[in-house]
């Protein structure tokens, strides 16, 4: 049995309906930033252990963007919110 994600719009759904799109708190480089800064922004991530916030897309359901708080060690999901509730800077 697959793991379940509690979508705020659709309820409990199988993880296979979602696609992970990356971490939430990744500020864009400023205009005119050099190529190496953009390379780091696009390709390099910290890959933290423990609690981590990620953008997930519910592609097989309501097609909404969500923010999941997930433990990268246990894969337990502690919170799911609609991404539209985020303010600029990634705060709910």
Protein backbone atom coordinates (compact mmCIF):
# COMPACT_ATOMS: atom_id res chain seq x y z
CA UNK A 1 0.00 0.00 0.00
CA UNK A 2 1.30 3.46 -0.85
CA UNK A 3 1.65 6.26 1.65
CA UNK A 4 -1.22 8.72 1.90
CA UNK A 5 -1.16 12.50 1.71
CA UNK A 6 -3.99 14.55 3.25
CA UNK A 7 -4.85 17.06 0.53
CA UNK A 8 -6.76 20.02 2.04
CA UNK A 9 -9.17 19.86 -0.94
CA UNK A 10 -9.51 16.13 -1.71
CA UNK A 11 -8.81 14.40 1.63
CA UNK A 12 -6.53 11.37 1.96
CA UNK A 13 -5.02 10.48 -1.41
CA UNK A 14 -2.23 8.08 -2.52
CA UNK A 15 1.22 9.67 -2.79
CA UNK A 16 1.41 8.61 -6.47
CA UNK A 17 -1.14 11.34 -7.35
CA UNK A 18 1.41 14.02 -6.36
CA UNK A 19 4.67 15.26 -7.82
CA UNK A 20 7.37 16.90 -5.72
CA UNK A 21 8.57 20.22 -7.12
CA UNK A 22 11.23 21.41 -4.66
CA UNK A 23 11.91 23.26 -1.45
CA UNK A 24 9.87 26.29 -0.45
CA UNK A 25 12.43 28.77 0.89
CA UNK A 26 14.65 29.24 -2.17
CA UNK A 27 14.88 32.96 -2.91
CA UNK A 28 15.66 33.89 -6.51
CA UNK A 29 18.99 35.58 -7.19
CA UNK A 30 18.84 39.32 -7.83
CA UNK A 31 18.63 40.67 -11.37
CA UNK A 32 22.04 40.66 -13.02
CA UNK A 33 23.41 37.79 -10.90
CA UNK A 34 26.27 35.90 -12.51
CA UNK A 35 26.03 32.45 -14.10
CA UNK A 36 27.48 30.57 -11.11
CA UNK A 37 24.89 32.12 -8.77
CA UNK A 38 22.09 30.96 -11.08
CA UNK A 39 23.67 27.50 -11.39
CA UNK A 40 23.72 27.18 -7.59
CA UNK A 41 20.09 28.38 -7.36
CA UNK A 42 18.77 25.96 -9.98
CA UNK A 43 20.83 22.82 -9.34
CA UNK A 44 22.27 22.78 -5.80
CA UNK A 45 20.17 22.04 -2.72
CA UNK A 46 21.05 21.52 0.96
CA UNK A 47 19.24 18.16 1.31
CA UNK A 48 18.58 18.64 5.05
CA UNK A 49 17.88 15.87 7.55
CA UNK A 50 14.67 16.34 9.48
CA UNK A 51 11.74 18.71 8.93
CA UNK A 52 11.64 20.24 5.45
CA UNK A 53 8.99 22.22 3.51
CA UNK A 54 8.41 21.33 -0.14
CA UNK A 55 6.09 22.34 -2.98
CA UNK A 56 3.98 19.39 -4.16
CA UNK A 57 1.54 19.44 -7.08
CA UNK A 58 -1.63 17.34 -6.82
CA UNK A 59 -1.48 16.36 -10.49
CA UNK A 60 -3.82 13.37 -10.13
CA UNK A 61 -6.51 15.22 -8.19
CA UNK A 62 -7.46 18.87 -7.69
CA UNK A 63 -4.31 20.08 -9.55
CA UNK A 64 -3.55 22.54 -6.73
CA UNK A 65 -0.08 23.44 -5.49
CA UNK A 66 0.48 22.43 -1.88
CA UNK A 67 3.21 22.96 0.71
CA UNK A 68 4.06 19.84 2.71
CA UNK A 69 6.13 19.78 5.88
CA UNK A 70 7.91 16.43 5.68
CA UNK A 71 10.59 14.73 7.73
CA UNK A 72 13.32 13.68 5.29
CA UNK A 73 14.47 10.85 7.58
CA UNK A 74 11.13 9.19 8.42
CA UNK A 75 9.11 10.56 5.46
CA UNK A 76 6.30 11.45 7.90
CA UNK A 77 4.18 14.39 6.74
CA UNK A 78 3.32 16.74 9.61
CA UNK A 79 1.41 19.48 7.76
CA UNK A 80 -0.16 20.20 4.36
CA UNK A 81 -1.41 23.64 3.29
CA UNK A 82 -2.54 25.16 0.01
CA UNK A 83 0.40 27.09 -1.49
CA UNK A 84 -1.89 30.05 -2.24
CA UNK A 85 -1.95 30.78 1.51
CA UNK A 86 1.81 31.55 1.51
CA UNK A 87 2.94 35.14 1.78
CA UNK A 88 5.98 36.39 -0.10
CA UNK A 89 9.04 34.83 1.55
CA UNK A 90 7.39 31.42 2.08
CA UNK A 91 5.60 32.10 5.39
CA UNK A 92 2.06 30.83 5.99
